[in-house]
Structure formats: C-alpha cells, structure tokens
Amino acid sequence: GGSLRLSCAASGFTLDTYAIGWFR
C-alpha cells in the first residue's frame, strides 16, 4: 500500500534524444 519514487539519471547523453523504459 505504500509508495516509492525511482529516479534514473543519465550521463553522457541527453534523455530527450532517447526513448526510456522501466523494466523489472
């Protein structure tokens, strides 16, 4: 029932030039 916020920080490129996915 709780919450978490995951972050994904990019280096070496800008994220808006790529599609981004979350997997588990």
mmCIF file of all heavy atoms, coordinates in Angstrom:
data_MODEL
# 
_entry.id   MODEL 
# 
loop_
_atom_site.group_PDB 
_atom_site.id 
_atom_site.type_symbol 
_atom_site.label_atom_id 
_atom_site.label_alt_id 
_atom_site.label_comp_id 
_atom_site.label_asym_id 
_atom_site.label_entity_id 
_atom_site.label_seq_id 
_atom_site.pdbx_PDB_ins_code 
_atom_site.Cartn_x 
_atom_site.Cartn_y 
_atom_site.Cartn_z 
_atom_site.occupancy 
_atom_site.B_iso_or_equiv 
_atom_site.pdbx_formal_charge 
_atom_site.auth_seq_id 
_atom_site.auth_comp_id 
_atom_site.auth_asym_id 
_atom_site.auth_atom_id 
_atom_site.pdbx_PDB_model_num 
ATOM 1   N N   . GLY A 1 1  ? 0.796  -1.218 0.000   1.00 0.00 ? 1  GLY A N   1 
ATOM 2   C CA  . GLY A 1 1  ? 0.000  0.000  0.000   1.00 0.00 ? 1  GLY A CA  1 
ATOM 3   C C   . GLY A 1 1  ? 0.825  1.261  0.000   1.00 0.00 ? 1  GLY A C   1 
ATOM 4   O O   . GLY A 1 1  ? 0.280  2.359  -0.194  1.00 0.00 ? 1  GLY A O   1 
ATOM 5   N N   . GLY A 1 2  ? 2.120  1.139  0.230   1.00 0.00 ? 2  GLY A N   1 
ATOM 6   C CA  . GLY A 1 2  ? 2.998  2.293  0.283   1.00 0.00 ? 2  GLY A CA  1 
ATOM 7   C C   . GLY A 1 2  ? 3.441  2.768  -1.091  1.00 0.00 ? 2  GLY A C   1 
ATOM 8   O O   . GLY A 1 2  ? 3.006  2.231  -2.133  1.00 0.00 ? 2  GLY A O   1 
ATOM 9   N N   . SER A 1 3  ? 4.306  3.782  -1.080  1.00 0.00 ? 3  SER A N   1 
ATOM 10  C CA  . SER A 1 3  ? 4.770  4.406  -2.317  1.00 0.00 ? 3  SER A CA  1 
ATOM 11  C C   . SER A 1 3  ? 6.287  4.532  -2.329  1.00 0.00 ? 3  SER A C   1 
ATOM 12  O O   . SER A 1 3  ? 6.924  4.635  -1.271  1.00 0.00 ? 3  SER A O   1 
ATOM 13  C CB  . SER A 1 3  ? 4.158  5.803  -2.475  1.00 0.00 ? 3  SER A CB  1 
ATOM 14  O OG  . SER A 1 3  ? 2.747  5.758  -2.570  1.00 0.00 ? 3  SER A OG  1 
ATOM 15  N N   . LEU A 1 4  ? 6.829  4.539  -3.524  1.00 0.00 ? 4  LEU A N   1 
ATOM 16  C CA  . LEU A 1 4  ? 8.242  4.822  -3.750  1.00 0.00 ? 4  LEU A CA  1 
ATOM 17  C C   . LEU A 1 4  ? 8.356  5.589  -5.054  1.00 0.00 ? 4  LEU A C   1 
ATOM 18  O O   . LEU A 1 4  ? 7.520  5.413  -5.960  1.00 0.00 ? 4  LEU A O   1 
ATOM 19  C CB  . LEU A 1 4  ? 9.074  3.543  -3.863  1.00 0.00 ? 4  LEU A CB  1 
ATOM 20  C CG  . LEU A 1 4  ? 9.458  2.783  -2.596  1.00 0.00 ? 4  LEU A CG  1 
ATOM 21  C CD1 . LEU A 1 4  ? 10.173 1.487  -2.978  1.00 0.00 ? 4  LEU A CD1 1 
ATOM 22  C CD2 . LEU A 1 4  ? 10.330 3.620  -1.694  1.00 0.00 ? 4  LEU A CD2 1 
ATOM 23  N N   . ARG A 1 5  ? 9.391  6.413  -5.163  1.00 0.00 ? 5  ARG A N   1 
ATOM 24  C CA  . ARG A 1 5  ? 9.697  7.055  -6.436  1.00 0.00 ? 5  ARG A CA  1 
ATOM 25  C C   . ARG A 1 5  ? 11.116 6.688  -6.837  1.00 0.00 ? 5  ARG A C   1 
ATOM 26  O O   . ARG A 1 5  ? 12.073 7.005  -6.130  1.00 0.00 ? 5  ARG A O   1 
ATOM 27  C CB  . ARG A 1 5  ? 9.557  8.573  -6.364  1.00 0.00 ? 5  ARG A CB  1 
ATOM 28  C CG  . ARG A 1 5  ? 9.671  9.222  -7.746  1.00 0.00 ? 5  ARG A CG  1 
ATOM 29  C CD  . ARG A 1 5  ? 9.485  10.724 -7.729  1.00 0.00 ? 5  ARG A CD  1 
ATOM 30  N NE  . ARG A 1 5  ? 10.667 11.425 -7.264  1.00 0.00 ? 5  ARG A NE  1 
ATOM 31  C CZ  . ARG A 1 5  ? 10.930 12.700 -7.523  1.00 0.00 ? 5  ARG A CZ  1 
ATOM 32  N NH1 . ARG A 1 5  ? 10.072 13.413 -8.262  1.00 0.00 ? 5  ARG A NH1 1 
ATOM 33  N NH2 . ARG A 1 5  ? 12.010 13.279 -7.050  1.00 0.00 ? 5  ARG A NH2 1 
ATOM 34  N N   . LEU A 1 6  ? 11.211 6.021  -7.957  1.00 0.00 ? 6  LEU A N   1 
ATOM 35  C CA  . LEU A 1 6  ? 12.514 5.678  -8.512  1.00 0.00 ? 6  LEU A CA  1 
ATOM 36  C C   . LEU A 1 6  ? 12.975 6.794  -9.437  1.00 0.00 ? 6  LEU A C   1 
ATOM 37  O O   . LEU A 1 6  ? 12.175 7.392  -10.146 1.00 0.00 ? 6  LEU A O   1 
ATOM 38  C CB  . LEU A 1 6  ? 12.447 4.366  -9.285  1.00 0.00 ? 6  LEU A CB  1 
ATOM 39  C CG  . LEU A 1 6  ? 11.914 3.151  -8.527  1.00 0.00 ? 6  LEU A CG  1 
ATOM 40  C CD1 . LEU A 1 6  ? 11.992 1.910  -9.425  1.00 0.00 ? 6  LEU A CD1 1 
ATOM 41  C CD2 . LEU A 1 6  ? 12.646 2.933  -7.238  1.00 0.00 ? 6  LEU A CD2 1 
ATOM 42  N N   . SER A 1 7  ? 14.280 7.032  -9.432  1.00 0.00 ? 7  SER A N   1 
ATOM 43  C CA  . SER A 1 7  ? 14.888 8.004  -10.342 1.00 0.00 ? 7  SER A CA  1 
ATOM 44  C C   . SER A 1 7  ? 15.898 7.299  -11.232 1.00 0.00 ? 7  SER A C   1 
ATOM 45  O O   . SER A 1 7  ? 16.533 6.326  -10.822 1.00 0.00 ? 7  SER A O   1 
ATOM 46  C CB  . SER A 1 7  ? 15.597 9.104  -9.554  1.00 0.00 ? 7  SER A CB  1 
ATOM 47  O OG  . SER A 1 7  ? 14.705 9.795  -8.720  1.00 0.00 ? 7  SER A OG  1 
ATOM 48  N N   . CYS A 1 8  ? 16.033 7.827  -12.426 1.00 0.00 ? 8  CYS A N   1 
ATOM 49  C CA  . CYS A 1 8  ? 17.004 7.291  -13.385 1.00 0.00 ? 8  CYS A CA  1 
ATOM 50  C C   . CYS A 1 8  ? 17.724 8.495  -13.995 1.00 0.00 ? 8  CYS A C   1 
ATOM 51  O O   . CYS A 1 8  ? 17.137 9.237  -14.788 1.00 0.00 ? 8  CYS A O   1 
ATOM 52  C CB  . CYS A 1 8  ? 16.290 6.486  -14.451 1.00 0.00 ? 8  CYS A CB  1 
ATOM 53  S SG  . CYS A 1 8  ? 17.333 5.953  -15.826 1.00 0.00 ? 8  CYS A SG  1 
ATOM 54  N N   . ALA A 1 9  ? 18.965 8.690  -13.592 1.00 0.00 ? 9  ALA A N   1 
ATOM 55  C CA  . ALA A 1 9  ? 19.752 9.830  -14.061 1.00 0.00 ? 9  ALA A CA  1 
ATOM 56  C C   . ALA A 1 9  ? 20.690 9.393  -15.174 1.00 0.00 ? 9  ALA A C   1 
ATOM 57  O O   . ALA A 1 9  ? 21.361 8.364  -15.066 1.00 0.00 ? 9  ALA A O   1 
ATOM 58  C CB  . ALA A 1 9  ? 20.542 10.427 -12.906 1.00 0.00 ? 9  ALA A CB  1 
ATOM 59  N N   . ALA A 1 10 ? 20.737 10.195 -16.216 1.00 0.00 ? 10 ALA A N   1 
ATOM 60  C CA  . ALA A 1 10 ? 21.583 9.882  -17.365 1.00 0.00 ? 10 ALA A CA  1 
ATOM 61  C C   . ALA A 1 10 ? 22.841 10.741 -17.361 1.00 0.00 ? 10 ALA A C   1 
ATOM 62  O O   . ALA A 1 10 ? 22.811 11.902 -16.953 1.00 0.00 ? 10 ALA A O   1 
ATOM 63  C CB  . ALA A 1 10 ? 20.817 10.115 -18.656 1.00 0.00 ? 10 ALA A CB  1 
ATOM 64  N N   . SER A 1 11 ? 23.923 10.159 -17.836 1.00 0.00 ? 11 SER A N   1 
ATOM 65  C CA  . SER A 1 11 ? 25.148 10.913 -18.067 1.00 0.00 ? 11 SER A CA  1 
ATOM 66  C C   . SER A 1 11 ? 25.737 10.477 -19.394 1.00 0.00 ? 11 SER A C   1 
ATOM 67  O O   . SER A 1 11 ? 25.578 9.330  -19.810 1.00 0.00 ? 11 SER A O   1 
ATOM 68  C CB  . SER A 1 11 ? 26.155 10.713 -16.931 1.00 0.00 ? 11 SER A CB  1 
ATOM 69  O OG  . SER A 1 11 ? 26.509 9.349  -16.817 1.00 0.00 ? 11 SER A OG  1 
ATOM 70  N N   . GLY A 1 12 ? 26.388 11.406 -20.063 1.00 0.00 ? 12 GLY A N   1 
ATOM 71  C CA  . GLY A 1 12 ? 26.980 11.100 -21.351 1.00 0.00 ? 12 GLY A CA  1 
ATOM 72  C C   . GLY A 1 12 ? 26.033 11.270 -22.522 1.00 0.00 ? 12 GLY A C   1 
ATOM 73  O O   . GLY A 1 12 ? 26.456 11.134 -23.675 1.00 0.00 ? 12 GLY A O   1 
ATOM 74  N N   . PHE A 1 13 ? 24.776 11.549 -22.230 1.00 0.00 ? 13 PHE A N   1 
ATOM 75  C CA  . PHE A 1 13 ? 23.802 11.791 -23.288 1.00 0.00 ? 13 PHE A CA  1 
ATOM 76  C C   . PHE A 1 13 ? 22.596 12.490 -22.667 1.00 0.00 ? 13 PHE A C   1 
ATOM 77  O O   . PHE A 1 13 ? 22.417 12.497 -21.444 1.00 0.00 ? 13 PHE A O   1 
ATOM 78  C CB  . PHE A 1 13 ? 23.382 10.497 -23.988 1.00 0.00 ? 13 PHE A CB  1 
ATOM 79  C CG  . PHE A 1 13 ? 22.601 9.538  -23.128 1.00 0.00 ? 13 PHE A CG  1 
ATOM 80  C CD1 . PHE A 1 13 ? 21.235 9.365  -23.313 1.00 0.00 ? 13 PHE A CD1 1 
ATOM 81  C CD2 . PHE A 1 13 ? 23.228 8.782  -22.148 1.00 0.00 ? 13 PHE A CD2 1 
ATOM 82  C CE1 . PHE A 1 13 ? 20.519 8.478  -22.541 1.00 0.00 ? 13 PHE A CE1 1 
ATOM 83  C CE2 . PHE A 1 13 ? 22.521 7.879  -21.369 1.00 0.00 ? 13 PHE A CE2 1 
ATOM 84  C CZ  . PHE A 1 13 ? 21.162 7.732  -21.562 1.00 0.00 ? 13 PHE A CZ  1 
ATOM 85  N N   . THR A 1 14 ? 21.772 13.068 -23.524 1.00 0.00 ? 14 THR A N   1 
ATOM 86  C CA  . THR A 1 14 ? 20.562 13.719 -23.021 1.00 0.00 ? 14 THR A CA  1 
ATOM 87  C C   . THR A 1 14 ? 19.378 12.788 -23.227 1.00 0.00 ? 14 THR A C   1 
ATOM 88  O O   . THR A 1 14 ? 19.192 12.206 -24.297 1.00 0.00 ? 14 THR A O   1 
ATOM 89  C CB  . THR A 1 14 ? 20.308 15.057 -23.732 1.00 0.00 ? 14 THR A CB  1 
ATOM 90  O OG1 . THR A 1 14 ? 20.306 14.844 -25.149 1.00 0.00 ? 14 THR A OG1 1 
ATOM 91  C CG2 . THR A 1 14 ? 21.398 16.058 -23.385 1.00 0.00 ? 14 THR A CG2 1 
ATOM 92  N N   . LEU A 1 15 ? 18.576 12.664 -22.188 1.00 0.00 ? 15 LEU A N   1 
ATOM 93  C CA  . LEU A 1 15 ? 17.493 11.684 -22.202 1.00 0.00 ? 15 LEU A CA  1 
ATOM 94  C C   . LEU A 1 15 ? 16.443 11.983 -23.263 1.00 0.00 ? 15 LEU A C   1 
ATOM 95  O O   . LEU A 1 15 ? 15.778 11.065 -23.743 1.00 0.00 ? 15 LEU A O   1 
ATOM 96  C CB  . LEU A 1 15 ? 16.833 11.605 -20.828 1.00 0.00 ? 15 LEU A CB  1 
ATOM 97  C CG  . LEU A 1 15 ? 17.562 10.779 -19.771 1.00 0.00 ? 15 LEU A CG  1 
ATOM 98  C CD1 . LEU A 1 15 ? 16.840 10.882 -18.445 1.00 0.00 ? 15 LEU A CD1 1 
ATOM 99  C CD2 . LEU A 1 15 ? 17.697 9.340  -20.207 1.00 0.00 ? 15 LEU A CD2 1 
ATOM 100 N N   . ASP A 1 16 ? 16.278 13.250 -23.628 1.00 0.00 ? 16 ASP A N   1 
ATOM 101 C CA  . ASP A 1 16 ? 15.214 13.553 -24.581 1.00 0.00 ? 16 ASP A CA  1 
ATOM 102 C C   . ASP A 1 16 ? 15.580 13.161 -26.015 1.00 0.00 ? 16 ASP A C   1 
ATOM 103 O O   . ASP A 1 16 ? 14.795 13.369 -26.933 1.00 0.00 ? 16 ASP A O   1 
ATOM 104 C CB  . ASP A 1 16 ? 14.803 15.018 -24.498 1.00 0.00 ? 16 ASP A CB  1 
ATOM 105 C CG  . ASP A 1 16 ? 15.945 15.969 -24.835 1.00 0.00 ? 16 ASP A CG  1 
ATOM 106 O OD1 . ASP A 1 16 ? 17.062 15.499 -25.121 1.00 0.00 ? 16 ASP A OD1 1 
ATOM 107 O OD2 . ASP A 1 16 ? 15.705 17.190 -24.809 1.00 0.00 ? 16 ASP A OD2 1 
ATOM 108 N N   . THR A 1 17 ? 16.752 12.570 -26.192 1.00 0.00 ? 17 THR A N   1 
ATOM 109 C CA  . THR A 1 17 ? 17.129 12.042 -27.515 1.00 0.00 ? 17 THR A CA  1 
ATOM 110 C C   . THR A 1 17 ? 16.967 10.533 -27.586 1.00 0.00 ? 17 THR A C   1 
ATOM 111 O O   . THR A 1 17 ? 17.313 9.898  -28.579 1.00 0.00 ? 17 THR A O   1 
ATOM 112 C CB  . THR A 1 17 ? 18.575 12.416 -27.872 1.00 0.00 ? 17 THR A CB  1 
ATOM 113 O OG1 . THR A 1 17 ? 19.459 11.831 -26.913 1.00 0.00 ? 17 THR A OG1 1 
ATOM 114 C CG2 . THR A 1 17 ? 18.769 13.921 -27.888 1.00 0.00 ? 17 THR A CG2 1 
ATOM 115 N N   . TYR A 1 18 ? 16.433 9.960  -26.506 1.00 0.00 ? 18 TYR A N   1 
ATOM 116 C CA  . TYR A 1 18 ? 16.235 8.528  -26.429 1.00 0.00 ? 18 TYR A CA  1 
ATOM 117 C C   . TYR A 1 18 ? 14.834 8.208  -25.896 1.00 0.00 ? 18 TYR A C   1 
ATOM 118 O O   . TYR A 1 18 ? 14.260 8.997  -25.144 1.00 0.00 ? 18 TYR A O   1 
ATOM 119 C CB  . TYR A 1 18 ? 17.246 7.886  -25.467 1.00 0.00 ? 18 TYR A CB  1 
ATOM 120 C CG  . TYR A 1 18 ? 18.637 7.730  -26.024 1.00 0.00 ? 18 TYR A CG  1 
ATOM 121 C CD1 . TYR A 1 18 ? 19.479 8.820  -26.172 1.00 0.00 ? 18 TYR A CD1 1 
ATOM 122 C CD2 . TYR A 1 18 ? 19.112 6.478  -26.388 1.00 0.00 ? 18 TYR A CD2 1 
ATOM 123 C CE1 . TYR A 1 18 ? 20.759 8.682  -26.675 1.00 0.00 ? 18 TYR A CE1 1 
ATOM 124 C CE2 . TYR A 1 18 ? 20.401 6.318  -26.891 1.00 0.00 ? 18 TYR A CE2 1 
ATOM 125 C CZ  . TYR A 1 18 ? 21.208 7.420  -27.026 1.00 0.00 ? 18 TYR A CZ  1 
ATOM 126 O OH  . TYR A 1 18 ? 22.480 7.269  -27.528 1.00 0.00 ? 18 TYR A OH  1 
ATOM 127 N N   . ALA A 1 19 ? 14.333 7.055  -26.265 1.00 0.00 ? 19 ALA A N   1 
ATOM 128 C CA  . ALA A 1 19 ? 13.177 6.505  -25.565 1.00 0.00 ? 19 ALA A CA  1 
ATOM 129 C C   . ALA A 1 19 ? 13.686 5.887  -24.268 1.00 0.00 ? 19 ALA A C   1 
ATOM 130 O O   . ALA A 1 19 ? 14.806 5.364  -24.211 1.00 0.00 ? 19 ALA A O   1 
ATOM 131 C CB  . ALA A 1 19 ? 12.498 5.445  -26.423 1.00 0.00 ? 19 ALA A CB  1 
ATOM 132 N N   . ILE A 1 20 ? 12.863 5.944  -23.229 1.00 0.00 ? 20 ILE A N   1 
ATOM 133 C CA  . ILE A 1 20 ? 13.275 5.449  -21.923 1.00 0.00 ? 20 ILE A CA  1 
ATOM 134 C C   . ILE A 1 20 ? 12.251 4.441  -21.414 1.00 0.00 ? 20 ILE A C   1 
ATOM 135 O O   . ILE A 1 20 ? 11.042 4.675  -21.474 1.00 0.00 ? 20 ILE A O   1 
ATOM 136 C CB  . ILE A 1 20 ? 13.406 6.588  -20.900 1.00 0.00 ? 20 ILE A CB  1 
ATOM 137 C CG1 . ILE A 1 20 ? 14.453 7.590  -21.366 1.00 0.00 ? 20 ILE A CG1 1 
ATOM 138 C CG2 . ILE A 1 20 ? 13.785 6.016  -19.532 1.00 0.00 ? 20 ILE A CG2 1 
ATOM 139 C CD1 . ILE A 1 20 ? 15.857 7.037  -21.481 1.00 0.00 ? 20 ILE A CD1 1 
ATOM 140 N N   . GLY A 1 21 ? 12.764 3.348  -20.891 1.00 0.00 ? 21 GLY A N   1 
ATOM 141 C CA  . GLY A 1 21 ? 11.877 2.330  -20.344 1.00 0.00 ? 21 GLY A CA  1 
ATOM 142 C C   . GLY A 1 21 ? 12.259 1.937  -18.934 1.00 0.00 ? 21 GLY A C   1 
ATOM 143 O O   . GLY A 1 21 ? 13.431 2.040  -18.541 1.00 0.00 ? 21 GLY A O   1 
ATOM 144 N N   . TRP A 1 22 ? 11.265 1.519  -18.196 1.00 0.00 ? 22 TRP A N   1 
ATOM 145 C CA  . TRP A 1 22 ? 11.463 0.909  -16.884 1.00 0.00 ? 22 TRP A CA  1 
ATOM 146 C C   . TRP A 1 22 ? 11.111 -0.567 -17.006 1.00 0.00 ? 22 TRP A C   1 
ATOM 147 O O   . TRP A 1 22 ? 10.052 -0.914 -17.552 1.00 0.00 ? 22 TRP A O   1 
ATOM 148 C CB  . TRP A 1 22 ? 10.586 1.561  -15.818 1.00 0.00 ? 22 TRP A CB  1 
ATOM 149 C CG  . TRP A 1 22 ? 11.042 2.915  -15.391 1.00 0.00 ? 22 TRP A CG  1 
ATOM 150 C CD1 . TRP A 1 22 ? 10.581 4.124  -15.834 1.00 0.00 ? 22 TRP A CD1 1 
ATOM 151 C CD2 . TRP A 1 22 ? 12.045 3.209  -14.411 1.00 0.00 ? 22 TRP A CD2 1 
ATOM 152 N NE1 . TRP A 1 22 ? 11.247 5.144  -15.208 1.00 0.00 ? 22 TRP A NE1 1 
ATOM 153 C CE2 . TRP A 1 22 ? 12.148 4.608  -14.326 1.00 0.00 ? 22 TRP A CE2 1 
ATOM 154 C CE3 . TRP A 1 22 ? 12.870 2.429  -13.601 1.00 0.00 ? 22 TRP A CE3 1 
ATOM 155 C CZ2 . TRP A 1 22 ? 13.036 5.253  -13.461 1.00 0.00 ? 22 TRP A CZ2 1 
ATOM 156 C CZ3 . TRP A 1 22 ? 13.750 3.066  -12.740 1.00 0.00 ? 22 TRP A CZ3 1 
ATOM 157 C CH2 . TRP A 1 22 ? 13.828 4.454  -12.678 1.00 0.00 ? 22 TRP A CH2 1 
ATOM 158 N N   . PHE A 1 23 ? 11.979 -1.409 -16.485 1.00 0.00 ? 23 PHE A N   1 
ATOM 159 C CA  . PHE A 1 23 ? 11.805 -2.847 -16.522 1.00 0.00 ? 23 PHE A CA  1 
ATOM 160 C C   . PHE A 1 23 ? 12.026 -3.384 -15.112 1.00 0.00 ? 23 PHE A C   1 
ATOM 161 O O   . PHE A 1 23 ? 12.608 -2.708 -14.266 1.00 0.00 ? 23 PHE A O   1 
ATOM 162 C CB  . PHE A 1 23 ? 12.813 -3.477 -17.489 1.00 0.00 ? 23 PHE A CB  1 
ATOM 163 C CG  . PHE A 1 23 ? 12.687 -2.967 -18.900 1.00 0.00 ? 23 PHE A CG  1 
ATOM 164 C CD1 . PHE A 1 23 ? 13.268 -1.767 -19.279 1.00 0.00 ? 23 PHE A CD1 1 
ATOM 165 C CD2 . PHE A 1 23 ? 11.962 -3.675 -19.850 1.00 0.00 ? 23 PHE A CD2 1 
ATOM 166 C CE1 . PHE A 1 23 ? 13.146 -1.275 -20.571 1.00 0.00 ? 23 PHE A CE1 1 
ATOM 167 C CE2 . PHE A 1 23 ? 11.828 -3.201 -21.136 1.00 0.00 ? 23 PHE A CE2 1 
ATOM 168 C CZ  . PHE A 1 23 ? 12.416 -2.000 -21.495 1.00 0.00 ? 23 PHE A CZ  1 
ATOM 169 N N   . ARG A 1 24 ? 11.571 -4.601 -14.878 1.00 0.00 ? 24 ARG A N   1 
ATOM 170 C CA  . ARG A 1 24 ? 11.826 -5.217 -13.585 1.00 0.00 ? 24 ARG A CA  1 
ATOM 171 C C   . ARG A 1 24 ? 12.032 -6.703 -13.753 1.00 0.00 ? 24 ARG A C   1 
ATOM 172 O O   . ARG A 1 24 ? 11.561 -7.310 -14.722 1.00 0.00 ? 24 ARG A O   1 
ATOM 173 C CB  . ARG A 1 24 ? 10.685 -4.934 -12.614 1.00 0.00 ? 24 ARG A CB  1 
ATOM 174 C CG  . ARG A 1 24 ? 9.360  -5.597 -12.968 1.00 0.00 ? 24 ARG A CG  1 
ATOM 175 C CD  . ARG A 1 24 ? 8.258  -5.140 -12.007 1.00 0.00 ? 24 ARG A CD  1 
ATOM 176 N NE  . ARG A 1 24 ? 6.983  -5.763 -12.302 1.00 0.00 ? 24 ARG A NE  1 
ATOM 177 C CZ  . ARG A 1 24 ? 5.843  -5.454 -11.677 1.00 0.00 ? 24 ARG A CZ  1 
ATOM 178 N NH1 . ARG A 1 24 ? 5.821  -4.523 -10.731 1.00 0.00 ? 24 ARG A NH1 1 
ATOM 179 N NH2 . ARG A 1 24 ? 4.721  -6.079 -11.994 1.00 0.00 ? 24 ARG A NH2 1 
# 
